C-alpha atoms as a PDB file:
ATOM      1  CA  MET A   1    -136.651 -91.115 -34.790  1.00  0.00           C
ATOM      2  CA  MET A   2    -133.378 -89.015 -34.300  1.00  0.00           C
ATOM      3  CA  LYS A   3    -133.940 -85.641 -32.818  1.00  0.00           C
ATOM      4  CA  TRP A   4    -131.836 -82.834 -34.493  1.00  0.00           C
ATOM      5  CA  ILE A   5    -130.388 -80.042 -32.400  1.00  0.00           C
ATOM      6  CA  MET A   6    -129.381 -76.912 -34.141  1.00  0.00           C
ATOM      7  CA  LEU A   7    -125.739 -75.797 -33.467  1.00  0.00           C
ATOM      8  CA  ASN A   8    -125.344 -72.810 -35.733  1.00  0.00           C
ATOM      9  CA  LYS A   9    -127.752 -71.596 -38.433  1.00  0.00           C
ATOM     10  CA  GLY A  10    -125.438 -68.924 -39.841  1.00  0.00           C
ATOM     11  CA  SER A  11    -122.603 -69.358 -42.257  1.00  0.00           C
ATOM     12  CA  VAL A  12    -119.282 -70.575 -40.874  1.00  0.00           C
ATOM     13  CA  ASN A  13    -115.900 -70.618 -42.939  1.00  0.00           C
ATOM     14  CA  VAL A  14    -114.408 -74.293 -42.799  1.00  0.00           C
ATOM     15  CA  PHE A  15    -111.405 -76.192 -44.032  1.00  0.00           C
ATOM     16  CA  PHE A  16    -111.506 -79.358 -46.090  1.00  0.00           C
ATOM     17  CA  GLU A  17    -108.633 -81.568 -47.103  1.00  0.00           C
ATOM     18  CA  TYR A  18    -109.472 -83.989 -49.893  1.00  0.00           C
ATOM     19  CA  GLY A  19    -107.496 -86.155 -52.567  1.00  0.00           C
ATOM     20  CA  GLN A  20    -103.799 -86.259 -52.449  1.00  0.00           C
ATOM     21  CA  GLY A  21    -103.055 -83.161 -50.336  1.00  0.00           C
ATOM     22  CA  ASP A  22    -105.518 -80.949 -51.842  1.00  0.00           C
ATOM     23  CA  PHE A  23    -107.505 -78.461 -49.639  1.00  0.00           C
ATOM     24  CA  THR A  24    -109.800 -75.498 -49.691  1.00  0.00           C
ATOM     25  CA  SER A  25    -110.687 -72.990 -47.102  1.00  0.00           C
ATOM     26  CA  ASN A  26    -113.192 -71.243 -49.455  1.00  0.00           C
ATOM     27  CA  LEU A  27    -116.350 -73.131 -48.390  1.00  0.00           C
ATOM     28  CA  PHE A  28    -118.771 -72.242 -45.820  1.00  0.00           C
ATOM     29  CA  ILE A  29    -121.250 -74.478 -43.890  1.00  0.00           C
ATOM     30  CA  THR A  30    -124.640 -73.496 -42.622  1.00  0.00           C
ATOM     31  CA  ASN A  31    -127.424 -75.020 -40.520  1.00  0.00           C
ATOM     32  CA  THR A  32    -124.956 -77.200 -38.542  1.00  0.00           C
ATOM     33  CA  GLN A  33    -126.862 -79.747 -36.486  1.00  0.00           C
ATOM     34  CA  ILE A  34    -126.153 -82.548 -34.198  1.00  0.00           C
ATOM     35  CA  GLY A  35    -128.180 -85.758 -33.874  1.00  0.00           C
ATOM     36  CA  ILE A  36    -127.931 -88.542 -31.434  1.00  0.00           C
ATOM     37  CA  ASP A  37    -128.999 -92.146 -32.034  1.00  0.00           C
ATOM     38  CA  GLY A  38    -128.331 -94.305 -29.073  1.00  0.00           C
ATOM     39  CA  GLN A  39    -124.547 -93.686 -28.561  1.00  0.00           C
ATOM     40  CA  ASP A  40    -123.959 -92.558 -32.309  1.00  0.00           C
ATOM     41  CA  ILE A  41    -123.285 -89.044 -32.929  1.00  0.00           C
ATOM     42  CA  TYR A  42    -124.267 -87.410 -36.486  1.00  0.00           C
ATOM     43  CA  ILE A  43    -122.962 -83.988 -37.422  1.00  0.00           C
ATOM     44  CA  LYS A  44    -125.006 -82.376 -40.494  1.00  0.00           C
ATOM     45  CA  VAL A  45    -123.643 -79.604 -42.331  1.00  0.00           C
ATOM     46  CA  ASP A  46    -125.101 -77.793 -45.484  1.00  0.00           C
ATOM     47  CA  LEU A  47    -122.842 -76.692 -48.338  1.00  0.00           C
ATOM     48  CA  ASN A  48    -125.510 -75.708 -50.690  1.00  0.00           C
ATOM     49  CA  SER A  49    -125.230 -71.966 -50.021  1.00  0.00           C
ATOM     50  CA  ASN A  50    -121.898 -72.099 -51.733  1.00  0.00           C
ATOM     51  CA  LEU A  51    -123.607 -72.940 -55.156  1.00  0.00           C
ATOM     52  CA  ARG A  52    -126.130 -70.043 -54.539  1.00  0.00           C
ATOM     53  CA  ILE A  53    -123.859 -67.016 -54.702  1.00  0.00           C
ATOM     54  CA  ARG A  54    -124.149 -64.437 -57.195  1.00  0.00           C
ATOM     55  CA  ASN A  55    -120.442 -64.447 -58.396  1.00  0.00           C
ATOM     56  CA  LYS A  56    -120.204 -67.593 -60.169  1.00  0.00           C
ATOM     57  CA  GLN A  57    -116.537 -66.920 -60.812  1.00  0.00           C
ATOM     58  CA  ALA A  58    -115.734 -67.144 -57.067  1.00  0.00           C
ATOM     59  CA  ASN A  59    -113.531 -69.896 -55.599  1.00  0.00           C
ATOM     60  CA  THR A  60    -116.381 -70.693 -53.172  1.00  0.00           C
ATOM     61  CA  TYR A  61    -118.715 -71.582 -56.202  1.00  0.00           C
ATOM     62  CA  PHE A  62    -115.921 -73.566 -58.148  1.00  0.00           C
ATOM     63  CA  ASP A  63    -114.801 -75.567 -54.946  1.00  0.00           C
ATOM     64  CA  ALA A  64    -118.438 -76.435 -54.385  1.00  0.00           C
ATOM     65  CA  LYS A  65    -118.933 -77.583 -57.906  1.00  0.00           C
ATOM     66  CA  ASP A  66    -115.701 -79.552 -57.787  1.00  0.00           C
ATOM     67  CA  PHE A  67    -117.231 -81.409 -54.730  1.00  0.00           C
ATOM     68  CA  LEU A  68    -120.433 -82.098 -56.835  1.00  0.00           C
ATOM     69  CA  ASP A  69    -118.234 -83.296 -59.719  1.00  0.00           C
ATOM     70  CA  GLY A  70    -116.732 -86.077 -57.641  1.00  0.00           C
ATOM     71  CA  ASN A  71    -114.182 -84.641 -55.068  1.00  0.00           C
ATOM     72  CA  ILE A  72    -116.722 -85.145 -52.368  1.00  0.00           C
ATOM     73  CA  LYS A  73    -115.920 -88.824 -52.461  1.00  0.00           C
ATOM     74  CA  GLU A  74    -112.237 -87.730 -51.786  1.00  0.00           C
ATOM     75  CA  ILE A  75    -112.797 -85.766 -48.566  1.00  0.00           C
ATOM     76  CA  ARG A  76    -110.303 -86.670 -45.798  1.00  0.00           C
ATOM     77  CA  ILE A  77    -110.882 -84.026 -43.219  1.00  0.00           C
ATOM     78  CA  LEU A  78    -113.242 -81.427 -42.276  1.00  0.00           C
ATOM     79  CA  GLN A  79    -111.914 -78.889 -40.011  1.00  0.00           C
ATOM     80  CA  ILE A  80    -114.219 -76.631 -37.789  1.00  0.00           C
ATOM     81  CA  ASP A  81    -112.555 -73.651 -35.832  1.00  0.00           C
ATOM     82  CA  GLU A  82    -115.804 -72.128 -34.778  1.00  0.00           C
ATOM     83  CA  GLU A  83    -115.682 -72.247 -30.965  1.00  0.00           C
ATOM     84  CA  GLY A  84    -119.521 -71.818 -30.524  1.00  0.00           C
ATOM     85  CA  ILE A  85    -120.169 -74.953 -32.632  1.00  0.00           C
ATOM     86  CA  ILE A  86    -117.417 -76.987 -30.675  1.00  0.00           C
ATOM     87  CA  LYS A  87    -118.664 -75.815 -27.285  1.00  0.00           C
ATOM     88  CA  ARG A  88    -122.277 -76.831 -28.240  1.00  0.00           C
ATOM     89  CA  ILE A  89    -121.168 -80.221 -29.512  1.00  0.00           C
ATOM     90  CA  VAL A  90    -119.307 -80.974 -26.200  1.00  0.00           C
ATOM     91  CA  ASP A  91    -122.489 -79.582 -24.207  1.00  0.00           C
ATOM     92  CA  VAL A  92    -124.920 -81.921 -26.023  1.00  0.00           C
ATOM     93  CA  LEU A  93    -122.745 -84.895 -25.775  1.00  0.00           C
ATOM     94  CA  ARG A  94    -122.282 -84.299 -21.986  1.00  0.00           C
ATOM     95  CA  ARG A  95    -126.048 -83.786 -21.415  1.00  0.00           C
ATOM     96  CA  ASN A  96    -126.938 -86.953 -23.373  1.00  0.00           C
ATOM     97  CA  LYS A  97    -124.189 -88.941 -21.574  1.00  0.00           C
ATOM     98  CA  VAL A  98    -122.643 -89.993 -25.036  1.00  0.00           C
ATOM     99  CA  GLU A  99    -119.168 -91.337 -24.608  1.00  0.00           C
ATOM    100  CA  ASN A 100    -118.230 -94.152 -27.029  1.00  0.00           C
ATOM    101  CA  GLY A 101    -120.572 -94.169 -29.859  1.00  0.00           C
ATOM    102  CA  ALA A 102    -119.712 -93.907 -33.728  1.00  0.00           C
ATOM    103  CA  TRP A 103    -119.445 -90.588 -35.435  1.00  0.00           C
ATOM    104  CA  TYR A 104    -120.933 -89.667 -38.729  1.00  0.00           C
ATOM    105  CA  LEU A 105    -120.813 -86.639 -40.984  1.00  0.00           C
ATOM    106  CA  ILE A 106    -123.556 -85.833 -43.169  1.00  0.00           C
ATOM    107  CA  ILE A 107    -122.803 -83.244 -45.728  1.00  0.00           C
ATOM    108  CA  ASP A 108    -125.942 -81.823 -47.650  1.00  0.00           C
ATOM    109  CA  LEU A 109    -124.640 -80.693 -51.198  1.00  0.00           C
ATOM    110  CA  GLN A 110    -127.595 -81.388 -53.611  1.00  0.00           C
ATOM    111  CA  GLY A 111    -128.375 -84.520 -51.612  1.00  0.00           C
ATOM    112  CA  GLU A 112    -126.852 -85.992 -48.472  1.00  0.00           C
ATOM    113  CA  HIS A 113    -123.372 -87.664 -48.405  1.00  0.00           C
ATOM    114  CA  ILE A 114    -122.708 -89.707 -45.314  1.00  0.00           C
ATOM    115  CA  PHE A 115    -119.207 -90.456 -43.990  1.00  0.00           C
ATOM    116  CA  LYS A 116    -118.098 -92.343 -40.845  1.00  0.00           C
ATOM    117  CA  VAL A 117    -115.712 -90.071 -39.130  1.00  0.00           C
ATOM    118  CA  GLU A 118    -113.202 -90.082 -36.113  1.00  0.00           C
ATOM    119  CA  PRO A 119    -113.107 -86.844 -34.183  1.00  0.00           C
ATOM    120  CA  GLU A 120    -110.223 -85.018 -33.046  1.00  0.00           C
ATOM    121  CA  TYR A 121    -110.076 -82.068 -30.722  1.00  0.00           C
ATOM    122  CA  LYS A 122    -107.225 -79.776 -30.431  1.00  0.00           C
ATOM    123  CA  SER A 123    -106.675 -76.514 -28.458  1.00  0.00           C
ATOM    124  CA  GLU A 124    -103.648 -74.433 -29.279  1.00  0.00           C
ATOM    125  CA  ASP A 125    -103.067 -70.913 -28.133  1.00  0.00           C
ATOM    126  CA  GLY A 126    -106.649 -70.458 -27.085  1.00  0.00           C
ATOM    127  CA  ILE A 127    -108.127 -71.598 -30.550  1.00  0.00           C
ATOM    128  CA  LYS A 128    -110.262 -74.734 -30.388  1.00  0.00           C
ATOM    129  CA  THR A 129    -110.471 -77.029 -33.416  1.00  0.00           C
ATOM    130  CA  LEU A 130    -112.528 -79.938 -34.288  1.00  0.00           C
ATOM    131  CA  PHE A 131    -111.218 -82.259 -37.009  1.00  0.00           C
ATOM    132  CA  LEU A 132    -113.630 -84.797 -38.536  1.00  0.00           C
ATOM    133  CA  ASN A 133    -111.289 -87.311 -40.066  1.00  0.00           C
ATOM    134  CA  ILE A 134    -113.058 -89.310 -42.700  1.00  0.00           C
ATOM    135  CA  VAL A 135    -112.767 -93.027 -42.260  1.00  0.00           C
ATOM    136  CA  SER A 136    -115.005 -94.311 -44.825  1.00  0.00           C
ATOM    137  CA  ILE A 137    -118.050 -93.171 -47.174  1.00  0.00           C
ATOM    138  CA  VAL A 138    -121.412 -94.744 -45.910  1.00  0.00           C
ATOM    139  CA  GLU A 139    -123.759 -93.451 -48.510  1.00  0.00           C
ATOM    140  CA  GLU A 140    -124.253 -91.196 -51.215  1.00  0.00           C
END
């Protein structure tokens, strides 16, 4: 059984690219976790809080609804700029001696959506960024 490690409980603003060049920076992830199964790495994020906001006219709500209405299948990139999350991911991988496993992204949005991803780290002007580039949909 996979052990999940909490990376960040709070809300973090992220960037999604989807479809043919569409993007949103209006969504927030919560309860970000990492799980390791052998050499495979799973990053789990929760988008449900975007649907529970009071202002149903907000872009956050509309973008989450668009994902529910089918755009989640079109996600191409999840970009995380939260340095604390990135640092904790690196620490967990180092502690568990994980080097060459497959990476998966699990998005909880009224059910789990699982994607195989390729990670890409960038650091520019002191800003660290983790890109999870979608390779394929594993399961919905």
